[in-house]
Protein backbone atom coordinates (compact mmCIF):
# COMPACT_ATOMS: atom_id res chain seq x y z
CA GLN A 1 -41.79 27.09 -24.42
CA VAL A 2 -38.61 28.58 -25.84
CA GLN A 3 -37.30 32.01 -24.97
CA LEU A 4 -34.52 33.94 -26.66
CA VAL A 5 -32.76 36.88 -25.05
CA GLU A 6 -30.31 38.95 -27.06
CA SER A 7 -27.64 41.17 -25.58
CA GLY A 8 -24.48 42.95 -26.61
CA GLY A 9 -25.85 45.68 -28.82
CA GLY A 10 -24.78 49.28 -28.50
CA LEU A 11 -23.16 52.26 -30.14
CA VAL A 12 -19.89 51.78 -31.99
CA GLN A 13 -17.86 53.84 -34.42
CA THR A 14 -17.30 52.91 -38.05
CA GLY A 15 -14.70 50.17 -38.26
CA GLY A 16 -15.42 48.96 -34.74
CA SER A 17 -16.53 45.58 -33.48
CA LEU A 18 -19.35 44.15 -31.42
CA THR A 19 -20.32 40.67 -30.30
CA LEU A 20 -23.99 39.88 -29.87
CA SER A 21 -25.20 37.04 -27.68
CA CYS A 22 -28.45 35.13 -27.71
CA GLU A 23 -29.27 32.96 -24.72
CA VAL A 24 -31.80 30.24 -25.42
CA SER A 25 -33.94 28.75 -22.69
CA GLY A 26 -36.57 26.05 -22.86
CA ARG A 27 -36.85 23.02 -25.07
CA ALA A 28 -33.50 21.86 -26.42
CA SER A 29 -34.80 18.73 -28.10
CA GLY A 30 -35.45 19.33 -31.78
CA ARG A 31 -33.53 22.58 -31.94
CA ASN A 32 -32.40 22.62 -35.54
CA VAL A 33 -30.91 25.96 -36.51
CA MET A 34 -30.26 29.28 -34.81
CA GLY A 35 -30.25 32.42 -36.87
CA TRP A 36 -29.59 36.13 -36.73
CA PHE A 37 -31.63 38.67 -38.64
CA ARG A 38 -31.63 42.43 -38.69
CA GLN A 39 -34.07 45.17 -39.54
CA ALA A 40 -33.18 48.77 -40.19
CA PRO A 41 -35.77 51.57 -40.01
CA GLY A 42 -37.96 51.56 -43.08
CA LYS A 43 -36.43 48.37 -44.44
CA GLU A 44 -37.45 44.75 -44.55
CA ARG A 45 -36.00 42.18 -42.22
CA GLU A 46 -32.74 40.79 -43.58
CA PHE A 47 -31.04 37.44 -43.01
CA VAL A 48 -27.62 37.81 -41.43
CA ALA A 49 -26.38 34.36 -40.46
CA ALA A 50 -27.45 30.93 -39.28
CA ILE A 51 -25.81 27.95 -37.65
CA THR A 52 -26.99 24.37 -37.25
CA TRP A 53 -27.27 23.56 -33.59
CA ASN A 54 -25.78 20.08 -33.71
CA GLY A 55 -23.26 20.27 -36.53
CA GLY A 56 -22.24 23.91 -36.28
CA ASN A 57 -22.56 24.48 -40.02
CA GLU A 58 -22.58 28.18 -40.80
CA HIS A 59 -24.54 30.15 -43.38
CA TYR A 60 -24.31 33.87 -44.10
CA GLY A 61 -26.19 36.57 -45.90
CA SER A 62 -24.56 37.82 -49.07
CA PHE A 63 -23.70 41.20 -47.60
CA VAL A 64 -21.63 39.78 -44.71
CA LYS A 65 -18.44 39.22 -46.73
CA ASP A 66 -16.31 37.81 -43.92
CA ARG A 67 -17.09 40.65 -41.52
CA PHE A 68 -19.42 38.61 -39.30
CA THR A 69 -18.99 35.21 -37.67
CA ILE A 70 -21.72 33.13 -36.08
CA SER A 71 -20.94 30.55 -33.43
CA ARG A 72 -22.70 28.64 -30.69
CA ASP A 73 -21.92 27.21 -27.29
CA VAL A 74 -24.10 24.16 -26.88
CA ALA A 75 -23.32 23.76 -23.18
CA GLU A 76 -24.26 27.38 -22.50
CA ASN A 77 -27.26 27.36 -24.88
CA THR A 78 -25.94 30.55 -26.41
CA VAL A 79 -25.44 31.75 -29.95
CA TYR A 80 -23.01 34.54 -30.80
CA LEU A 81 -22.60 36.95 -33.66
CA GLN A 82 -19.18 38.51 -33.87
CA MET A 83 -19.23 41.62 -36.02
CA SER A 84 -16.16 43.49 -37.19
CA ASN A 85 -15.39 46.38 -39.52
CA LEU A 86 -18.85 47.73 -38.83
CA LYS A 87 -20.35 50.28 -41.16
CA PRO A 88 -23.18 52.81 -40.69
CA GLU A 89 -25.36 50.65 -42.93
CA ASP A 90 -25.09 47.88 -40.34
CA THR A 91 -27.22 50.00 -38.01
CA ALA A 92 -30.35 47.98 -37.21
CA ILE A 93 -32.14 45.98 -34.59
CA TYR A 94 -30.62 42.52 -34.56
CA TYR A 95 -32.88 39.58 -33.78
CA CYS A 96 -32.07 36.04 -32.77
CA ALA A 97 -34.33 33.24 -33.96
CA ALA A 98 -34.70 29.51 -33.39
CA ASP A 99 -35.89 26.90 -35.87
CA TYR A 100 -37.41 23.64 -34.72
CA SER A 101 -39.60 22.90 -37.72
CA GLY A 102 -36.91 22.66 -40.36
CA ASP A 103 -38.09 25.62 -42.44
CA TRP A 104 -35.20 27.91 -41.59
CA ASN A 105 -34.01 28.07 -45.20
CA LEU A 106 -37.37 29.58 -46.08
CA GLY A 107 -36.86 32.26 -43.47
CA LYS A 108 -39.44 30.64 -41.21
CA TYR A 109 -38.28 30.38 -37.63
CA ASP A 110 -40.41 29.23 -34.73
CA TYR A 111 -39.21 31.55 -31.99
CA TRP A 112 -37.82 35.07 -31.98
CA GLY A 113 -36.10 37.27 -29.46
CA GLN A 114 -36.97 40.88 -28.72
CA GLY A 115 -33.92 42.24 -30.52
CA THR A 116 -30.92 44.33 -29.60
CA GLN A 117 -30.07 47.68 -31.16
CA VAL A 118 -26.79 48.15 -32.97
CA THR A 119 -25.88 51.67 -34.00
CA VAL A 120 -22.77 52.45 -36.01
CA SER A 121 -21.75 56.07 -36.12
CA SER A 122 -19.87 57.59 -39.03
């Protein structure tokens, strides 16, 4: 079984920064891609970023525009999302997800965390 635990969310002012962490426990074999998604109230879940576990190749949602950076620490089994120049529209619950099946580019991940709230005040 795989478990994902996000942390690092909170309240920040416009223009501020936050770094989210996602600690992964359980099966490491076959871990393909780790991703971050977000969901704001009344809106659909949105892809934020993804990183291949072995190669570290990064992918970002179109709205990110160099404000966010995804990274991973293989030894610590942790994925990070560094967010800067935050805007009120970035307010959402941010979820970490793990892909083992290879369908990550279809938005299909096998395991999800419980989410961490990010609130950006204006």
